[in-house]
C-alpha atoms as a PDB file:
ATOM      1  CA  MET A   1     -23.107  25.806  49.688  1.00  0.00           C
ATOM      2  CA  ASP A   2     -21.982  27.647  46.618  1.00  0.00           C
ATOM      3  CA  VAL A   3     -23.816  29.928  44.503  1.00  0.00           C
ATOM      4  CA  ILE A   4     -24.725  27.546  41.354  1.00  0.00           C
ATOM      5  CA  GLY A   5     -26.219  25.402  44.054  1.00  0.00           C
ATOM      6  CA  LYS A   6     -28.336  28.087  45.812  1.00  0.00           C
ATOM      7  CA  MET A   7     -29.167  29.114  42.637  1.00  0.00           C
ATOM      8  CA  MET A   8     -30.585  25.529  41.082  1.00  0.00           C
ATOM      9  CA  LEU A   9     -32.320  24.974  44.321  1.00  0.00           C
ATOM     10  CA  ALA A  10     -34.085  29.226  44.030  1.00  0.00           C
ATOM     11  CA  LEU A  11     -35.314  27.715  40.339  1.00  0.00           C
ATOM     12  CA  PHE A  12     -37.059  24.687  41.203  1.00  0.00           C
ATOM     13  CA  LEU A  13     -37.688  24.722  44.792  1.00  0.00           C
ATOM     14  CA  PRO A  14     -40.239  28.096  44.972  1.00  0.00           C
ATOM     15  CA  ALA A  15     -42.267  26.818  42.008  1.00  0.00           C
ATOM     16  CA  LEU A  16     -42.504  23.391  43.767  1.00  0.00           C
ATOM     17  CA  LEU A  17     -43.509  24.724  47.153  1.00  0.00           C
ATOM     18  CA  VAL A  18     -46.264  26.744  45.499  1.00  0.00           C
ATOM     19  CA  LEU A  19     -47.750  23.524  43.263  1.00  0.00           C
ATOM     20  CA  LEU A  20     -47.437  21.498  46.999  1.00  0.00           C
ATOM     21  CA  PHE A  21     -49.274  24.521  48.993  1.00  0.00           C
ATOM     22  CA  THR A  22     -51.893  24.731  46.124  1.00  0.00           C
ATOM     23  CA  ARG A  23     -52.531  21.230  46.472  1.00  0.00           C
ATOM     24  CA  ILE A  24     -53.112  21.343  50.252  1.00  0.00           C
ATOM     25  CA  THR A  25     -55.068  24.011  50.401  1.00  0.00           C
ATOM     26  CA  TYR A  26     -57.065  24.188  46.947  1.00  0.00           C
ATOM     27  CA  ASN A  27     -56.366  28.072  46.711  1.00  0.00           C
ATOM     28  CA  ARG A  28     -53.244  29.366  44.121  1.00  0.00           C
ATOM     29  CA  TYR A  29     -53.381  32.437  45.941  1.00  0.00           C
ATOM     30  CA  VAL A  30     -52.637  31.378  49.391  1.00  0.00           C
ATOM     31  CA  ALA A  31     -50.351  29.173  47.986  1.00  0.00           C
ATOM     32  CA  LEU A  32     -48.761  31.799  46.768  1.00  0.00           C
ATOM     33  CA  LEU A  33     -48.543  33.784  49.989  1.00  0.00           C
ATOM     34  CA  LEU A  34     -47.365  30.850  52.048  1.00  0.00           C
ATOM     35  CA  ALA A  35     -44.527  30.541  49.565  1.00  0.00           C
ATOM     36  CA  ILE A  36     -43.400  34.076  49.458  1.00  0.00           C
ATOM     37  CA  ALA A  37     -43.903  33.737  53.668  1.00  0.00           C
ATOM     38  CA  LEU A  38     -41.207  30.939  53.684  1.00  0.00           C
ATOM     39  CA  ILE A  39     -38.835  33.103  51.199  1.00  0.00           C
ATOM     40  CA  ALA A  40     -38.932  35.953  53.446  1.00  0.00           C
ATOM     41  CA  ALA A  41     -38.144  33.880  56.828  1.00  0.00           C
ATOM     42  CA  SER A  42     -35.240  32.405  54.811  1.00  0.00           C
ATOM     43  CA  VAL A  43     -33.748  36.069  53.549  1.00  0.00           C
ATOM     44  CA  TYR A  44     -34.905  37.371  57.170  1.00  0.00           C
ATOM     45  CA  ALA A  45     -32.568  34.556  58.525  1.00  0.00           C
ATOM     46  CA  GLY A  46     -29.498  35.346  55.988  1.00  0.00           C
ATOM     47  CA  TYR A  47     -29.831  32.291  53.827  1.00  0.00           C
ATOM     48  CA  THR A  48     -30.033  34.325  50.664  1.00  0.00           C
ATOM     49  CA  SER A  49     -26.534  36.331  50.162  1.00  0.00           C
ATOM     50  CA  PRO A  50     -26.448  37.536  46.435  1.00  0.00           C
ATOM     51  CA  PRO A  51     -29.187  39.591  45.293  1.00  0.00           C
ATOM     52  CA  ILE A  52     -29.595  37.331  41.998  1.00  0.00           C
ATOM     53  CA  ILE A  53     -30.837  34.831  44.254  1.00  0.00           C
ATOM     54  CA  PHE A  54     -33.930  37.290  44.543  1.00  0.00           C
ATOM     55  CA  VAL A  55     -34.815  37.264  40.914  1.00  0.00           C
ATOM     56  CA  VAL A  56     -34.624  33.669  40.657  1.00  0.00           C
ATOM     57  CA  ASP A  57     -36.991  33.032  43.283  1.00  0.00           C
ATOM     58  CA  ALA A  58     -39.245  35.553  41.873  1.00  0.00           C
ATOM     59  CA  PHE A  59     -39.446  34.153  38.547  1.00  0.00           C
ATOM     60  CA  SER A  60     -39.537  30.302  40.479  1.00  0.00           C
ATOM     61  CA  LEU A  61     -42.607  31.743  42.076  1.00  0.00           C
ATOM     62  CA  THR A  62     -43.892  33.230  38.584  1.00  0.00           C
ATOM     63  CA  VAL A  63     -43.633  29.832  37.024  1.00  0.00           C
ATOM     64  CA  GLY A  64     -45.049  28.132  39.899  1.00  0.00           C
ATOM     65  CA  PHE A  65     -47.860  30.269  40.096  1.00  0.00           C
ATOM     66  CA  TRP A  66     -48.903  29.679  36.236  1.00  0.00           C
ATOM     67  CA  LEU A  67     -48.489  26.156  36.407  1.00  0.00           C
ATOM     68  CA  ALA A  68     -51.099  26.043  39.707  1.00  0.00           C
ATOM     69  CA  SER A  69     -53.290  28.339  37.754  1.00  0.00           C
ATOM     70  CA  ARG A  70     -53.331  25.462  34.724  1.00  0.00           C
ATOM     71  CA  MET A  71     -53.346  22.840  36.918  1.00  0.00           C
ATOM     72  CA  GLN A  72     -56.658  24.313  39.344  1.00  0.00           C
ATOM     73  CA  LYS A  73     -58.489  24.437  35.725  1.00  0.00           C
ATOM     74  CA  LYS A  74     -58.128  20.804  35.013  1.00  0.00           C
END
């Protein structure tokens, strides 16, 4: 997969993971930790080669956590 494809996945997938895990666990902090653990495992396995992917992942996790906090209030 090329760098653009990895960046697109890194932009949307972590936020969706946080939202999914929030719906499953009913706790946005646990959901954030689970998503971070999955990303750390993929980094350890070597699937994220350029360092800009880490920045995009962190941004997406932040957006996902913000959306999960808005979702839990309703």
